[in-house]
Protein backbone atom coordinates (compact mmCIF):
# COMPACT_ATOMS: atom_id res chain seq x y z
CA MET A 1 -11.46 -5.79 -1.62
CA SER A 2 -9.68 -2.55 -0.75
CA TYR A 3 -6.12 -1.57 0.10
CA SER A 4 -4.82 0.98 2.62
CA ILE A 5 -2.75 3.79 1.13
CA PRO A 6 0.65 4.15 2.84
CA TYR A 7 1.81 7.54 4.15
CA GLY A 8 4.79 7.67 1.73
CA VAL A 9 2.46 7.22 -1.25
CA LYS A 10 0.24 10.04 -0.02
CA LYS A 11 3.25 12.31 0.52
CA GLU A 12 4.63 11.74 -2.99
CA ALA A 13 1.15 12.15 -4.52
CA LYS A 14 0.89 15.54 -2.78
CA THR A 15 4.28 16.53 -4.21
CA GLY A 16 3.02 15.51 -7.65
CA LYS A 17 -0.11 17.61 -7.22
CA ARG A 18 1.97 20.67 -6.27
CA LEU A 19 4.26 20.14 -9.27
CA TYR A 20 1.27 19.76 -11.59
CA LYS A 21 -0.23 23.02 -10.30
CA LYS A 22 3.10 24.81 -10.70
CA PHE A 23 3.98 23.58 -14.21
CA GLY A 24 0.58 22.66 -15.67
CA TYR A 25 1.58 19.29 -17.12
CA GLY A 26 2.13 15.67 -16.14
CA GLY A 27 -0.90 13.44 -16.64
CA GLY A 28 -4.52 13.71 -17.65
CA LYS A 29 -7.96 13.07 -16.17
CA VAL A 30 -7.30 9.51 -15.03
CA THR A 31 -4.06 10.55 -13.34
CA ALA A 32 -5.87 13.45 -11.65
CA LYS A 33 -8.59 11.13 -10.35
CA ILE A 34 -6.10 8.58 -8.99
CA ASN A 35 -3.96 11.38 -7.52
CA SER A 36 -7.00 12.76 -5.70
CA MET A 37 -7.83 9.31 -4.32
CA LEU A 38 -4.28 8.74 -3.14
CA ILE A 39 -4.29 12.07 -1.29
CA ASN A 40 -7.84 12.15 0.08
CA LYS A 41 -8.87 8.57 0.75
CA ARG A 42 -7.67 5.94 3.21
CA GLU A 43 -8.02 3.05 0.77
CA VAL A 44 -8.27 2.27 -2.92
CA SER A 45 -10.40 -0.39 -4.55
CA HIS A 46 -9.11 -3.50 -6.26
CA GLY A 47 -9.69 -1.89 -9.68
CA ILE A 48 -7.72 1.24 -8.81
CA ALA A 49 -4.90 -0.86 -7.34
CA ILE A 50 -4.66 -2.70 -10.67
CA LYS A 51 -4.64 0.62 -12.60
CA ILE A 52 -1.81 1.92 -10.44
CA HIS A 53 0.21 -1.26 -10.94
CA THR A 54 -0.44 -1.17 -14.69
CA TYR A 55 0.78 2.44 -14.84
CA TYR A 56 4.07 1.55 -13.15
CA ARG A 57 4.57 -1.52 -15.32
CA ARG A 58 4.22 0.66 -18.43
CA HIS A 59 6.31 3.58 -17.21
CA GLU A 60 8.98 2.18 -14.87
CA THR A 61 11.53 1.55 -17.62
CA VAL A 62 10.74 4.66 -19.65
CA ASP A 63 10.04 7.69 -17.45
CA PRO A 64 13.05 7.55 -15.08
CA GLN A 65 15.41 7.48 -18.09
CA GLY A 66 13.62 10.37 -19.80
CA GLU A 67 15.13 13.79 -20.29
CA ASN A 68 14.71 16.14 -17.30
CA PHE A 69 13.21 13.43 -15.11
CA ASP A 70 15.11 14.73 -12.07
CA ASN A 71 15.39 18.35 -13.17
CA LYS A 72 14.12 20.33 -10.16
CA LYS A 73 13.74 23.60 -12.11
CA ARG A 74 11.79 22.11 -15.02
CA PRO A 75 10.87 18.45 -14.36
CA SER A 76 9.65 16.23 -17.17
CA LYS A 77 5.99 15.35 -17.70
CA GLY A 78 6.89 11.78 -16.79
CA TYR A 79 8.39 12.86 -13.47
CA ILE A 80 5.34 14.86 -12.47
CA MET A 81 3.00 12.06 -13.48
CA TRP A 82 5.19 9.57 -11.59
CA LYS A 83 4.88 11.68 -8.45
CA ARG A 84 1.12 12.14 -8.92
CA MET A 85 0.75 8.36 -8.98
CA GLY A 86 2.63 8.03 -5.69
CA GLY A 87 6.26 8.21 -6.82
CA ASP A 88 8.80 5.55 -5.86
CA SER A 89 6.68 4.68 -2.82
CA GLY A 90 3.72 4.10 -5.12
CA GLN A 91 5.77 1.85 -7.36
CA SER A 92 6.95 -0.26 -4.41
CA TRP A 93 3.43 -0.38 -2.96
CA SER A 94 1.93 -1.38 -6.32
CA ARG A 95 4.32 -4.33 -6.57
CA LYS A 96 3.26 -5.53 -3.11
CA LEU A 97 -0.40 -5.10 -4.04
CA LYS A 98 0.10 -7.08 -7.24
CA ARG A 99 1.75 -9.96 -5.36
CA SER A 100 -1.11 -9.95 -2.85
CA ILE A 101 -3.76 -9.87 -5.58
CA ASP A 102 -2.01 -12.67 -7.47
CA SER A 103 -1.87 -14.78 -4.32
CA VAL A 104 -5.59 -14.29 -3.64
CA ASN A 105 -6.45 -15.07 -7.27
CA LYS A 106 -4.28 -18.19 -7.20
CA GLN A 107 -6.08 -19.42 -4.08
CA LYS A 108 -9.49 -18.69 -5.63
CA LEU A 109 -8.53 -20.63 -8.76
CA LYS A 110 -7.29 -23.53 -6.63
CA ASN A 111 -10.62 -23.58 -4.74
CA ILE A 112 -12.57 -23.52 -8.02
CA ASN A 113 -10.52 -26.39 -9.40
CA MET A 114 -11.02 -28.41 -6.22
CA GLY A 115 -14.77 -27.82 -6.52
CA LEU A 116 -14.73 -28.93 -10.15
CA ASP A 117 -12.81 -32.07 -9.22
CA LYS A 118 -15.43 -32.89 -6.59
CA ILE A 119 -18.20 -32.37 -9.14
CA LYS A 120 -16.41 -34.60 -11.66
CA ARG A 121 -15.92 -37.35 -9.08
CA GLY A 122 -19.57 -37.12 -8.12
CA LEU A 123 -20.64 -37.49 -11.75
CA THR A 124 -18.40 -40.48 -12.42
CA ARG A 125 -19.53 -42.58 -9.45
């Protein structure tokens, strides 16, 4: 399963890349890899979509309240990392992806349970 990367996510990821080059901070190797994917690819895999969502879940209540988050002259590490991961567009997109993934997983579990019920009925007859 793969997911198309929206234009707004790409745009914010590019801004994050520029900020990282300018200031030299704001994320490590994993952030750099995801940032590169967001900029250069059309889609991300299921695993990467989950990583992006997990990032936002961990950082959404912390980074925006951090010191210098919106400081244009010297933005915080959290701000630059936020942008590298797709910014506000990335956060919104990751929520939609998570709902979609949860829906698919729920349906798969339902199908598995229906199959198990059929097996049980077959064994008890």
